[in-house]
Structures are given as C-alpha cells and as structure tokens.
C-alpha atoms as a PDB file:
ATOM      1  CA  MET A   1      16.076 -17.815 -14.135  1.00  0.00           C
ATOM      2  CA  ASP A   2      12.852 -15.821 -13.873  1.00  0.00           C
ATOM      3  CA  LEU A   3      13.517 -13.605 -10.865  1.00  0.00           C
ATOM      4  CA  SER A   4      16.383 -12.378  -8.697  1.00  0.00           C
ATOM      5  CA  VAL A   5      15.405 -10.900  -5.334  1.00  0.00           C
ATOM      6  CA  ILE A   6      17.994  -8.552  -3.853  1.00  0.00           C
ATOM      7  CA  THR A   7      17.835  -7.456  -0.227  1.00  0.00           C
ATOM      8  CA  VAL A   8      20.163  -5.112   1.633  1.00  0.00           C
ATOM      9  CA  THR A   9      20.296  -5.744   5.384  1.00  0.00           C
ATOM     10  CA  TRP A  10      21.553  -3.742   8.332  1.00  0.00           C
ATOM     11  CA  ASN A  11      20.720  -5.109  11.788  1.00  0.00           C
ATOM     12  CA  SER A  12      17.717  -6.923  10.344  1.00  0.00           C
ATOM     13  CA  GLU A  13      17.668 -10.177  12.331  1.00  0.00           C
ATOM     14  CA  GLU A  14      14.126  -9.598  13.639  1.00  0.00           C
ATOM     15  CA  LYS A  15      12.484  -9.333  10.208  1.00  0.00           C
ATOM     16  CA  ILE A  16      14.667 -11.130   7.671  1.00  0.00           C
ATOM     17  CA  ILE A  17      13.440 -14.690   8.380  1.00  0.00           C
ATOM     18  CA  LYS A  18       9.804 -13.848   7.657  1.00  0.00           C
ATOM     19  CA  GLN A  19      10.825 -11.834   4.612  1.00  0.00           C
ATOM     20  CA  ILE A  20      12.756 -14.734   3.083  1.00  0.00           C
ATOM     21  CA  GLN A  21       9.974 -17.179   3.912  1.00  0.00           C
ATOM     22  CA  SER A  22       7.478 -14.895   2.186  1.00  0.00           C
ATOM     23  CA  VAL A  23       9.699 -14.703  -0.903  1.00  0.00           C
ATOM     24  CA  CYS A  24       9.711 -18.500  -1.110  1.00  0.00           C
ATOM     25  CA  ALA A  25       5.926 -18.600  -0.690  1.00  0.00           C
ATOM     26  CA  GLY A  26       5.578 -15.878  -3.302  1.00  0.00           C
ATOM     27  CA  CYS A  27       7.389 -17.941  -5.950  1.00  0.00           C
ATOM     28  CA  ARG A  28       5.356 -21.105  -6.447  1.00  0.00           C
ATOM     29  CA  GLU A  29       5.522 -21.187 -10.260  1.00  0.00           C
ATOM     30  CA  ILE A  30       8.607 -19.182 -11.198  1.00  0.00           C
ATOM     31  CA  SER A  31      12.298 -19.937 -10.711  1.00  0.00           C
ATOM     32  CA  PHE A  32      14.098 -17.504  -8.420  1.00  0.00           C
ATOM     33  CA  GLU A  33      17.200 -16.730  -6.411  1.00  0.00           C
ATOM     34  CA  GLN A  34      17.720 -14.420  -3.471  1.00  0.00           C
ATOM     35  CA  ILE A  35      20.844 -12.382  -2.901  1.00  0.00           C
ATOM     36  CA  VAL A  36      21.382 -10.653   0.444  1.00  0.00           C
ATOM     37  CA  VAL A  37      23.952  -7.886   0.854  1.00  0.00           C
ATOM     38  CA  ASP A  38      24.699  -7.148   4.502  1.00  0.00           C
ATOM     39  CA  ASN A  39      25.987  -3.725   5.496  1.00  0.00           C
ATOM     40  CA  ALA A  40      28.148  -4.724   8.476  1.00  0.00           C
ATOM     41  CA  SER A  41      25.287  -5.620  10.809  1.00  0.00           C
ATOM     42  CA  GLY A  42      26.105  -5.617  14.513  1.00  0.00           C
ATOM     43  CA  ASP A  43      23.401  -8.137  15.383  1.00  0.00           C
ATOM     44  CA  LYS A  44      22.860 -11.766  14.304  1.00  0.00           C
ATOM     45  CA  THR A  45      21.565 -11.060  10.791  1.00  0.00           C
ATOM     46  CA  ILE A  46      24.357 -12.996   9.065  1.00  0.00           C
ATOM     47  CA  GLU A  47      24.140 -15.923  11.496  1.00  0.00           C
ATOM     48  CA  VAL A  48      20.365 -16.155  11.054  1.00  0.00           C
ATOM     49  CA  ILE A  49      20.650 -16.261   7.263  1.00  0.00           C
ATOM     50  CA  ASN A  50      23.513 -18.773   7.171  1.00  0.00           C
ATOM     51  CA  THR A  51      21.782 -21.093   9.642  1.00  0.00           C
ATOM     52  CA  ASN A  52      18.280 -21.032   8.188  1.00  0.00           C
ATOM     53  CA  PHE A  53      18.861 -20.311   4.495  1.00  0.00           C
ATOM     54  CA  PRO A  54      22.226 -21.704   3.338  1.00  0.00           C
ATOM     55  CA  GLU A  55      21.036 -21.610  -0.280  1.00  0.00           C
ATOM     56  CA  ILE A  56      20.970 -17.807  -0.278  1.00  0.00           C
ATOM     57  CA  THR A  57      23.884 -15.910  -1.791  1.00  0.00           C
ATOM     58  CA  LEU A  58      25.245 -13.680   0.977  1.00  0.00           C
ATOM     59  CA  ILE A  59      27.576 -10.735   0.418  1.00  0.00           C
ATOM     60  CA  MET A  60      29.096  -9.241   3.577  1.00  0.00           C
ATOM     61  CA  ASN A  61      30.338  -5.657   3.409  1.00  0.00           C
ATOM     62  CA  LEU A  62      32.990  -4.632   5.914  1.00  0.00           C
ATOM     63  CA  LYS A  63      31.196  -1.319   6.519  1.00  0.00           C
ATOM     64  CA  ASN A  64      27.811   0.218   5.820  1.00  0.00           C
ATOM     65  CA  GLU A  65      28.084   1.087   2.132  1.00  0.00           C
ATOM     66  CA  GLY A  66      24.570   2.480   1.826  1.00  0.00           C
ATOM     67  CA  PHE A  67      21.477   1.334  -0.030  1.00  0.00           C
ATOM     68  CA  GLY A  68      22.341   2.078  -3.664  1.00  0.00           C
ATOM     69  CA  TYR A  69      25.907   0.767  -3.709  1.00  0.00           C
ATOM     70  CA  SER A  70      24.953  -2.437  -1.912  1.00  0.00           C
ATOM     71  CA  ASN A  71      22.011  -3.153  -4.195  1.00  0.00           C
ATOM     72  CA  ASN A  72      24.346  -2.713  -7.152  1.00  0.00           C
ATOM     73  CA  LEU A  73      26.640  -5.407  -5.724  1.00  0.00           C
ATOM     74  CA  GLY A  74      23.711  -7.801  -5.671  1.00  0.00           C
ATOM     75  CA  ALA A  75      22.553  -6.796  -9.143  1.00  0.00           C
ATOM     76  CA  LYS A  76      25.959  -7.710 -10.603  1.00  0.00           C
ATOM     77  CA  LEU A  77      25.414 -11.321  -9.522  1.00  0.00           C
ATOM     78  CA  ALA A  78      21.746 -11.498 -10.505  1.00  0.00           C
ATOM     79  CA  GLN A  79      20.748 -14.027 -13.179  1.00  0.00           C
ATOM     80  CA  GLY A  80      17.010 -13.324 -13.323  1.00  0.00           C
ATOM     81  CA  GLU A  81      15.053 -11.893 -16.233  1.00  0.00           C
ATOM     82  CA  PHE A  82      13.558  -9.544 -13.635  1.00  0.00           C
ATOM     83  CA  ILE A  83      15.183  -8.097 -10.535  1.00  0.00           C
ATOM     84  CA  LEU A  84      13.234  -7.221  -7.402  1.00  0.00           C
ATOM     85  CA  PHE A  85      14.794  -4.878  -4.873  1.00  0.00           C
ATOM     86  CA  LEU A  86      13.075  -5.802  -1.626  1.00  0.00           C
ATOM     87  CA  ASN A  87      13.679  -4.353   1.830  1.00  0.00           C
ATOM     88  CA  PRO A  88      14.245  -6.773   4.728  1.00  0.00           C
ATOM     89  CA  ASP A  89      11.154  -5.562   6.611  1.00  0.00           C
ATOM     90  CA  MET A  90       8.682  -6.737   3.933  1.00  0.00           C
ATOM     91  CA  GLU A  91       6.369  -9.748   3.706  1.00  0.00           C
ATOM     92  CA  ILE A  92       4.920 -10.746   0.321  1.00  0.00           C
ATOM     93  CA  GLU A  93       1.570 -12.475  -0.050  1.00  0.00           C
ATOM     94  CA  ALA A  94       1.538 -16.123  -1.173  1.00  0.00           C
ATOM     95  CA  GLU A  95       2.128 -16.433  -4.943  1.00  0.00           C
ATOM     96  CA  GLY A  96       2.501 -12.659  -5.095  1.00  0.00           C
ATOM     97  CA  LEU A  97       5.755 -12.755  -7.046  1.00  0.00           C
ATOM     98  CA  ASP A  98       4.298 -15.242  -9.530  1.00  0.00           C
ATOM     99  CA  LYS A  99       1.561 -12.692 -10.246  1.00  0.00           C
ATOM    100  CA  ILE A 100       3.730  -9.634 -10.704  1.00  0.00           C
ATOM    101  CA  VAL A 101       6.301 -11.408 -12.897  1.00  0.00           C
ATOM    102  CA  LYS A 102       3.459 -12.597 -15.131  1.00  0.00           C
ATOM    103  CA  TRP A 103       2.100  -9.043 -15.158  1.00  0.00           C
ATOM    104  CA  MET A 104       5.488  -7.587 -16.149  1.00  0.00           C
ATOM    105  CA  ARG A 105       5.760 -10.064 -19.012  1.00  0.00           C
ATOM    106  CA  GLY A 106       2.330  -9.029 -20.232  1.00  0.00           C
ATOM    107  CA  ASN A 107       3.188  -5.312 -20.104  1.00  0.00           C
ATOM    108  CA  ARG A 108       6.357  -4.874 -22.140  1.00  0.00           C
ATOM    109  CA  GLU A 109       6.094  -1.084 -21.969  1.00  0.00           C
ATOM    110  CA  VAL A 110       6.664  -1.201 -18.195  1.00  0.00           C
ATOM    111  CA  GLY A 111      10.279  -0.810 -17.114  1.00  0.00           C
ATOM    112  CA  ILE A 112       9.660  -0.641 -13.370  1.00  0.00           C
ATOM    113  CA  GLY A 113       6.724  -2.013 -11.414  1.00  0.00           C
ATOM    114  CA  GLY A 114       5.586  -1.429  -7.854  1.00  0.00           C
ATOM    115  CA  CYS A 115       2.872  -3.185  -5.858  1.00  0.00           C
ATOM    116  CA  LYS A 116       0.313  -2.380  -3.158  1.00  0.00           C
ATOM    117  CA  LEU A 117       2.055  -1.877   0.195  1.00  0.00           C
ATOM    118  CA  VAL A 118      -0.023  -2.431   3.322  1.00  0.00           C
ATOM    119  CA  ASP A 119       0.351  -2.399   7.110  1.00  0.00           C
ATOM    120  CA  LYS A 120      -0.060  -5.349   9.492  1.00  0.00           C
ATOM    121  CA  GLN A 121      -3.845  -4.951   9.411  1.00  0.00           C
ATOM    122  CA  GLY A 122      -3.915  -5.082   5.618  1.00  0.00           C
ATOM    123  CA  ASN A 123      -4.702  -1.384   5.205  1.00  0.00           C
ATOM    124  CA  PHE A 124      -3.052   0.540   2.391  1.00  0.00           C
ATOM    125  CA  LEU A 125       0.072   2.253   3.701  1.00  0.00           C
ATOM    126  CA  ASP A 126      -0.342   5.897   2.810  1.00  0.00           C
ATOM    127  CA  GLU A 127       3.289   6.732   3.646  1.00  0.00           C
ATOM    128  CA  ALA A 128       4.515   4.248   1.033  1.00  0.00           C
ATOM    129  CA  LYS A 129       2.406   5.273  -1.943  1.00  0.00           C
ATOM    130  CA  PRO A 130       4.055   6.369  -5.222  1.00  0.00           C
ATOM    131  CA  ARG A 131       5.147   9.993  -5.404  1.00  0.00           C
ATOM    132  CA  ARG A 132       5.525  12.578  -8.118  1.00  0.00           C
ATOM    133  CA  PHE A 133       8.926  13.775  -9.234  1.00  0.00           C
ATOM    134  CA  PRO A 134       9.786  16.511  -6.700  1.00  0.00           C
ATOM    135  CA  LYS A 135       9.930  20.227  -7.380  1.00  0.00           C
ATOM    136  CA  ASN A 136      12.483  22.439  -5.652  1.00  0.00           C
ATOM    137  CA  TRP A 137       9.936  24.509  -3.703  1.00  0.00           C
ATOM    138  CA  GLU A 138       8.330  21.304  -2.395  1.00  0.00           C
ATOM    139  CA  MET A 139      11.687  20.231  -1.016  1.00  0.00           C
ATOM    140  CA  LEU A 140      12.089  23.560   0.764  1.00  0.00           C
ATOM    141  CA  VAL A 141       8.714  22.906   2.381  1.00  0.00           C
ATOM    142  CA  LEU A 142      10.141  19.582   3.579  1.00  0.00           C
ATOM    143  CA  ILE A 143      13.412  21.056   4.833  1.00  0.00           C
ATOM    144  CA  PHE A 144      11.612  23.599   7.025  1.00  0.00           C
ATOM    145  CA  LYS A 145       8.708  21.264   7.912  1.00  0.00           C
ATOM    146  CA  LEU A 146       6.137  23.790   6.718  1.00  0.00           C
ATOM    147  CA  PHE A 147       3.766  20.964   5.835  1.00  0.00           C
ATOM    148  CA  HIS A 148       2.859  20.760   9.532  1.00  0.00           C
ATOM    149  CA  LEU A 149       1.341  24.234   9.192  1.00  0.00           C
ATOM    150  CA  MET A 150      -0.068  23.831   5.673  1.00  0.00           C
ATOM    151  CA  PRO A 151      -0.355  20.135   4.698  1.00  0.00           C
ATOM    152  CA  SER A 152      -1.959  20.981   1.347  1.00  0.00           C
ATOM    153  CA  LEU A 153       1.362  22.373   0.087  1.00  0.00           C
ATOM    154  CA  LEU A 154       2.525  18.817  -0.608  1.00  0.00           C
ATOM    155  CA  ASN A 155      -0.720  17.367  -1.972  1.00  0.00           C
ATOM    156  CA  LYS A 156       0.616  17.031  -5.513  1.00  0.00           C
ATOM    157  CA  TYR A 157       4.036  15.663  -4.539  1.00  0.00           C
ATOM    158  CA  LEU A 158       2.496  13.131  -2.152  1.00  0.00           C
ATOM    159  CA  SER A 159      -0.226  12.116  -4.648  1.00  0.00           C
ATOM    160  CA  SER A 160      -2.942  12.838  -2.089  1.00  0.00           C
ATOM    161  CA  ASN A 161      -5.729  11.666  -4.422  1.00  0.00           C
ATOM    162  CA  PHE A 162      -4.003   8.361  -5.245  1.00  0.00           C
ATOM    163  CA  ASN A 163      -6.309   5.356  -5.710  1.00  0.00           C
ATOM    164  CA  PRO A 164      -4.476   2.245  -4.408  1.00  0.00           C
ATOM    165  CA  ASN A 165      -6.946  -0.146  -6.034  1.00  0.00           C
ATOM    166  CA  LYS A 166      -6.303   1.102  -9.571  1.00  0.00           C
ATOM    167  CA  GLU A 167      -3.461   0.096 -11.878  1.00  0.00           C
ATOM    168  CA  GLN A 168      -1.848   3.304 -13.114  1.00  0.00           C
ATOM    169  CA  GLU A 169       1.239   4.950 -14.518  1.00  0.00           C
ATOM    170  CA  VAL A 170       3.181   6.945 -11.917  1.00  0.00           C
ATOM    171  CA  ASP A 171       6.360   9.001 -11.728  1.00  0.00           C
ATOM    172  CA  SER A 172       8.089   6.748  -9.204  1.00  0.00           C
ATOM    173  CA  VAL A 173       7.551   3.740  -6.939  1.00  0.00           C
ATOM    174  CA  ARG A 174       9.168   3.069  -3.589  1.00  0.00           C
ATOM    175  CA  GLY A 175      12.548   1.361  -3.444  1.00  0.00           C
ATOM    176  CA  SER A 176      11.296  -0.966  -0.706  1.00  0.00           C
ATOM    177  CA  PHE A 177       9.573  -3.042  -3.438  1.00  0.00           C
ATOM    178  CA  LEU A 178      10.849  -2.168  -6.902  1.00  0.00           C
ATOM    179  CA  MET A 179      10.831  -4.642  -9.790  1.00  0.00           C
ATOM    180  CA  ILE A 180      12.874  -3.855 -12.891  1.00  0.00           C
ATOM    181  CA  ARG A 181      13.891  -5.644 -16.078  1.00  0.00           C
ATOM    182  CA  ARG A 182      17.513  -6.791 -15.986  1.00  0.00           C
ATOM    183  CA  GLU A 183      17.992  -5.546 -19.555  1.00  0.00           C
ATOM    184  CA  ILE A 184      17.417  -1.989 -18.292  1.00  0.00           C
ATOM    185  CA  ILE A 185      20.117  -2.309 -15.645  1.00  0.00           C
ATOM    186  CA  GLU A 186      22.468  -3.542 -18.356  1.00  0.00           C
ATOM    187  CA  LYS A 187      21.661  -0.443 -20.434  1.00  0.00           C
ATOM    188  CA  LEU A 188      22.226   1.937 -17.514  1.00  0.00           C
ATOM    189  CA  GLY A 189      25.371   0.221 -16.235  1.00  0.00           C
ATOM    190  CA  TRP A 190      24.009   0.090 -12.686  1.00  0.00           C
ATOM    191  CA  ALA A 191      20.730  -0.240 -10.825  1.00  0.00           C
ATOM    192  CA  PHE A 192      21.012   2.720  -8.463  1.00  0.00           C
ATOM    193  CA  ASP A 193      23.293   5.705  -8.862  1.00  0.00           C
ATOM    194  CA  PRO A 194      25.955   4.927  -6.202  1.00  0.00           C
ATOM    195  CA  ARG A 195      26.334   8.613  -5.336  1.00  0.00           C
ATOM    196  CA  TYR A 196      23.219   8.318  -3.167  1.00  0.00           C
ATOM    197  CA  PHE A 197      23.889   6.716   0.217  1.00  0.00           C
ATOM    198  CA  ILE A 198      20.202   6.512   1.148  1.00  0.00           C
ATOM    199  CA  TRP A 199      17.033   8.288  -0.067  1.00  0.00           C
ATOM    200  CA  PHE A 200      16.223   9.605  -3.558  1.00  0.00           C
ATOM    201  CA  GLU A 201      18.014   6.712  -5.288  1.00  0.00           C
ATOM    202  CA  ASP A 202      14.654   5.110  -6.161  1.00  0.00           C
ATOM    203  CA  VAL A 203      13.241   8.364  -7.555  1.00  0.00           C
ATOM    204  CA  ASP A 204      16.442   8.877  -9.532  1.00  0.00           C
ATOM    205  CA  LEU A 205      16.263   5.360 -11.007  1.00  0.00           C
ATOM    206  CA  CYS A 206      12.633   5.840 -12.036  1.00  0.00           C
ATOM    207  CA  ARG A 207      13.566   9.071 -13.796  1.00  0.00           C
ATOM    208  CA  GLU A 208      16.435   7.335 -15.598  1.00  0.00           C
ATOM    209  CA  VAL A 209      14.121   4.544 -16.757  1.00  0.00           C
ATOM    210  CA  LYS A 210      11.473   7.013 -17.949  1.00  0.00           C
ATOM    211  CA  SER A 211      14.141   8.802 -19.975  1.00  0.00           C
ATOM    212  CA  LEU A 212      14.764   5.500 -21.800  1.00  0.00           C
ATOM    213  CA  GLY A 213      11.125   5.456 -22.923  1.00  0.00           C
ATOM    214  CA  TYR A 214       9.717   2.939 -20.432  1.00  0.00           C
ATOM    215  CA  GLN A 215       6.706   3.397 -18.173  1.00  0.00           C
ATOM    216  CA  ILE A 216       6.764   3.291 -14.376  1.00  0.00           C
ATOM    217  CA  LYS A 217       3.614   1.548 -13.186  1.00  0.00           C
ATOM    218  CA  TYR A 218       1.835   0.734  -9.957  1.00  0.00           C
ATOM    219  CA  THR A 219      -0.308  -2.390  -9.784  1.00  0.00           C
ATOM    220  CA  PRO A 220      -2.483  -3.723  -6.939  1.00  0.00           C
ATOM    221  CA  ILE A 221      -2.195  -7.229  -8.411  1.00  0.00           C
ATOM    222  CA  THR A 222       0.283  -8.090  -5.641  1.00  0.00           C
ATOM    223  CA  THR A 223       0.157  -7.054  -1.986  1.00  0.00           C
ATOM    224  CA  CYS A 224       3.155  -6.742   0.321  1.00  0.00           C
ATOM    225  CA  MET A 225       3.253  -5.927   4.029  1.00  0.00           C
ATOM    226  CA  ASP A 226       5.684  -3.100   4.728  1.00  0.00           C
ATOM    227  CA  TYR A 227       6.983  -2.463   8.253  1.00  0.00           C
ATOM    228  CA  PHE A 228       8.231   0.864   6.892  1.00  0.00           C
ATOM    229  CA  GLY A 229      11.741   1.927   7.798  1.00  0.00           C
ATOM    230  CA  GLN A 230      12.556  -0.479  10.624  1.00  0.00           C
ATOM    231  CA  SER A 231      16.292  -0.469   9.938  1.00  0.00           C
ATOM    232  CA  PHE A 232      16.573   3.290   9.787  1.00  0.00           C
ATOM    233  CA  ASP A 233      14.484   3.760  12.916  1.00  0.00           C
ATOM    234  CA  GLN A 234      17.753   2.750  14.578  1.00  0.00           C
ATOM    235  CA  LYS A 235      19.424   5.918  13.300  1.00  0.00           C
ATOM    236  CA  ASP A 236      19.036   9.224  15.133  1.00  0.00           C
ATOM    237  CA  LEU A 237      16.816  11.893  13.632  1.00  0.00           C
ATOM    238  CA  LEU A 238      19.550  14.444  12.981  1.00  0.00           C
ATOM    239  CA  TRP A 239      21.478  11.853  10.949  1.00  0.00           C
ATOM    240  CA  LYS A 240      18.343  11.179   8.908  1.00  0.00           C
ATOM    241  CA  GLN A 241      17.817  14.874   8.227  1.00  0.00           C
ATOM    242  CA  LYS A 242      21.420  15.314   7.070  1.00  0.00           C
ATOM    243  CA  LYS A 243      21.349  12.278   4.768  1.00  0.00           C
ATOM    244  CA  PHE A 244      17.897  13.064   3.394  1.00  0.00           C
ATOM    245  CA  THR A 245      18.789  16.638   2.434  1.00  0.00           C
ATOM    246  CA  GLU A 246      22.224  15.572   1.168  1.00  0.00           C
ATOM    247  CA  SER A 247      20.596  13.141  -1.271  1.00  0.00           C
ATOM    248  CA  MET A 248      17.960  15.727  -2.133  1.00  0.00           C
ATOM    249  CA  LEU A 249      20.676  18.142  -3.235  1.00  0.00           C
ATOM    250  CA  LYS A 250      22.444  15.456  -5.282  1.00  0.00           C
ATOM    251  CA  TYR A 251      19.183  14.656  -7.053  1.00  0.00           C
ATOM    252  CA  PHE A 252      18.486  18.264  -8.033  1.00  0.00           C
ATOM    253  CA  ARG A 253      22.065  18.926  -9.111  1.00  0.00           C
ATOM    254  CA  LYS A 254      21.813  15.919 -11.417  1.00  0.00           C
ATOM    255  CA  TRP A 255      18.415  16.655 -12.961  1.00  0.00           C
ATOM    256  CA  GLU A 256      17.731  20.388 -12.693  1.00  0.00           C
ATOM    257  CA  PRO A 257      19.463  23.649 -13.744  1.00  0.00           C
ATOM    258  CA  TRP A 258      21.547  25.487 -11.157  1.00  0.00           C
ATOM    259  CA  TYR A 259      18.973  28.169 -10.414  1.00  0.00           C
ATOM    260  CA  LYS A 260      16.595  25.486  -9.122  1.00  0.00           C
ATOM    261  CA  TRP A 261      18.984  23.635  -6.814  1.00  0.00           C
ATOM    262  CA  ILE A 262      21.024  26.545  -5.482  1.00  0.00           C
ATOM    263  CA  TRP A 263      18.202  27.436  -3.085  1.00  0.00           C
ATOM    264  CA  ILE A 264      18.344  23.967  -1.597  1.00  0.00           C
ATOM    265  CA  MET A 265      22.125  24.207  -1.217  1.00  0.00           C
ATOM    266  CA  MET A 266      21.907  27.585   0.544  1.00  0.00           C
ATOM    267  CA  LEU A 267      19.003  26.780   2.874  1.00  0.00           C
ATOM    268  CA  ARG A 268      19.882  23.165   3.735  1.00  0.00           C
ATOM    269  CA  PRO A 269      22.309  24.134   6.569  1.00  0.00           C
ATOM    270  CA  MET A 270      19.611  26.282   8.162  1.00  0.00           C
ATOM    271  CA  GLY A 271      17.190  23.361   8.128  1.00  0.00           C
ATOM    272  CA  ILE A 272      19.769  21.102   9.801  1.00  0.00           C
ATOM    273  CA  ILE A 273      20.473  23.734  12.486  1.00  0.00           C
ATOM    274  CA  LEU A 274      16.747  24.096  13.198  1.00  0.00           C
ATOM    275  CA  THR A 275      16.493  20.326  13.501  1.00  0.00           C
ATOM    276  CA  TRP A 276      19.335  20.317  16.036  1.00  0.00           C
ATOM    277  CA  ILE A 277      17.641  23.105  18.027  1.00  0.00           C
ATOM    278  CA  TYR A 278      14.313  21.283  18.093  1.00  0.00           C
ATOM    279  CA  LEU A 279      16.049  18.129  19.312  1.00  0.00           C
ATOM    280  CA  LYS A 280      17.848  19.983  22.088  1.00  0.00           C
ATOM    281  CA  ILE A 281      14.671  21.696  23.266  1.00  0.00           C
ATOM    282  CA  PHE A 282      12.399  18.694  23.273  1.00  0.00           C
ATOM    283  CA  GLN A 283      14.890  16.027  24.338  1.00  0.00           C
ATOM    284  CA  ASN A 284      16.459  18.014  27.149  1.00  0.00           C
ATOM    285  CA  LYS A 285      13.175  19.331  28.567  1.00  0.00           C
ATOM    286  CA  GLN A 286      11.354  16.051  27.928  1.00  0.00           C
ATOM    287  CA  ARG A 287       8.269  17.861  26.694  1.00  0.00           C
ATOM    288  CA  ASP A 288       5.154  15.903  25.718  1.00  0.00           C
ATOM    289  CA  LEU A 289       5.445  16.858  22.056  1.00  0.00           C
ATOM    290  CA  PRO A 290       8.108  14.601  20.480  1.00  0.00           C
ATOM    291  CA  ALA A 291      10.926  16.073  18.455  1.00  0.00           C
ATOM    292  CA  SER A 292      10.021  13.726  15.623  1.00  0.00           C
ATOM    293  CA  TYR A 293       6.955  15.907  15.026  1.00  0.00           C
ATOM    294  CA  PHE A 294       9.224  18.647  13.755  1.00  0.00           C
ATOM    295  CA  ILE A 295      11.826  16.653  11.900  1.00  0.00           C
ATOM    296  CA  LYS A 296       9.874  13.808  10.323  1.00  0.00           C
ATOM    297  CA  VAL A 297      11.572  12.830   7.075  1.00  0.00           C
ATOM    298  CA  ILE A 298       9.144  12.267   4.220  1.00  0.00           C
END
C-alpha cells in the first residue's frame, strides 16, 4: 500500500463527500486507503460515508476525543508507506497525491511534507502557511491580542515573508494536510501526542520529527483547497480561546524550561477573562465591531 489517508470528522456532512472524491481523483497511479474517524457527529456524517463510500474504513467514537487521539486511532490501522492526515474540509487537485508521494520518495531526508493550500478562488491561503516554532513572548502577544495594535510583532512567527511558490524547509506545516512516513510514527509510538485535544499537536509532531534528524518541508508541487476551520467554526469563541491556550501551555511545558512557560501559565487566566468580557460587551450590545476581532485564534 502506497498511501493511507486519515480524516477526523465532527459534523462534517457538508464537506466530506467532496473531500473523499478529491482523494480518489488525487490517487490515479498509487494504491491507497482512506480511514475516517468520527468524533460523535450529531449530523449525517456517518450515514453519508456509509451510503456513498462503503469501502472506507470508518471508526466511530462515542464522544469527541479530539484531533490527536482520533488521528492516532486511524494511524494504528494504516497500511500505507506514507500517511496523510487530511481535514474533512479539504479538496485535493487531480493527481495531487500521486505527485506528492513521488516527491516524498525522491526526498528521503524529508520526514513530513506539506503542500500549497489555497482558497476557493485558487489564491494562496495566508492563514494556512507554515509557521515558525513559537516563542513564549509571541504567545503572550496572541493571548492578549496585541497583534491587532502592532501586527509586526508576529512577523517572524507567522513567516510574513513566506514565498508559497518555492519549495523550502520550514519549522512546521499545518495539520490540515500533513504527510509523514509511517516508519517515523513507528519510531515515535504515535502520530500526535494525545495530550493535545486540539491545536499545537501538529507543531509538536514537527518538532519531534526534527529531533529525529528529518527535515520538515513545504512543496508547491501539489495544491489543495482548504475551507479553513469549518468544523471548529461550530464551536463558540470562548471555548476556542480556552482550548488554544491550554494546548499552548502543554506545548511549552513539554519543550521549554519552566522560566519560559510559567508566564503563560500565570497570564492565561487573564486572557480568558478578557475574552469573556469582550464577548459580553459586543454580543449583548450588538455593536458593529464583532467580538471575533478581539479573540481571533491564530
């Protein structure tokens, strides 16, 4: 088996059909399987998959187990030489997976590969570009949303000068389209650290793989349309802020000395309280400026 595609779904009935169809169209030359792990969807996601794609391996969790844990369930069943973690709100170009598998085989030094993510118009999706490994002060800027006042503070972290048309080594690629060698997962014992429910698990995995001596690379050889966070748009903004900063703290406690993460631990509650206040002000008074302006999760 050349490739195993693993997708975690949660209320994804609107996008999953086109995603699966694009996976099939993306694999014209290689052998592949697709494994879907559903996190207790309340819509017709499971029915849609069973009716239209009976050949797909479907794992149904009784509750929402989160992104990392659920992807690990799929990875345990995977038979492919390469494993692609692919979000349900993605559409791959025709023969795109043929290209990137061939590219991975030709670049043995690459442990994880990411592709060019675009919007519906085919424009490069700036929000989904690779990012640098985060520094603690950059995360404090995120917690207190200071980037709205001084956007340049995050230029390095957000790779503001990134060229999407150039193949290049990066610190991390997005978990929405992340291809990895199965041999690496076997070395690590898992794909994603299950301690992360959502967010930072992709950055953490890239750091683990780099520590094994592999490169993390971005390539524009394959293009994928990314609807960017459709499932989690269903969650309220305060929940997102709590989960994002919770995973942020776990990441820094794992990788950095105490004097770097203790500031995040101490100031995180204040950031959550400010988020709650902003929501109350702008939701209750129905002001023109949306609360999401203040609490956007990057």
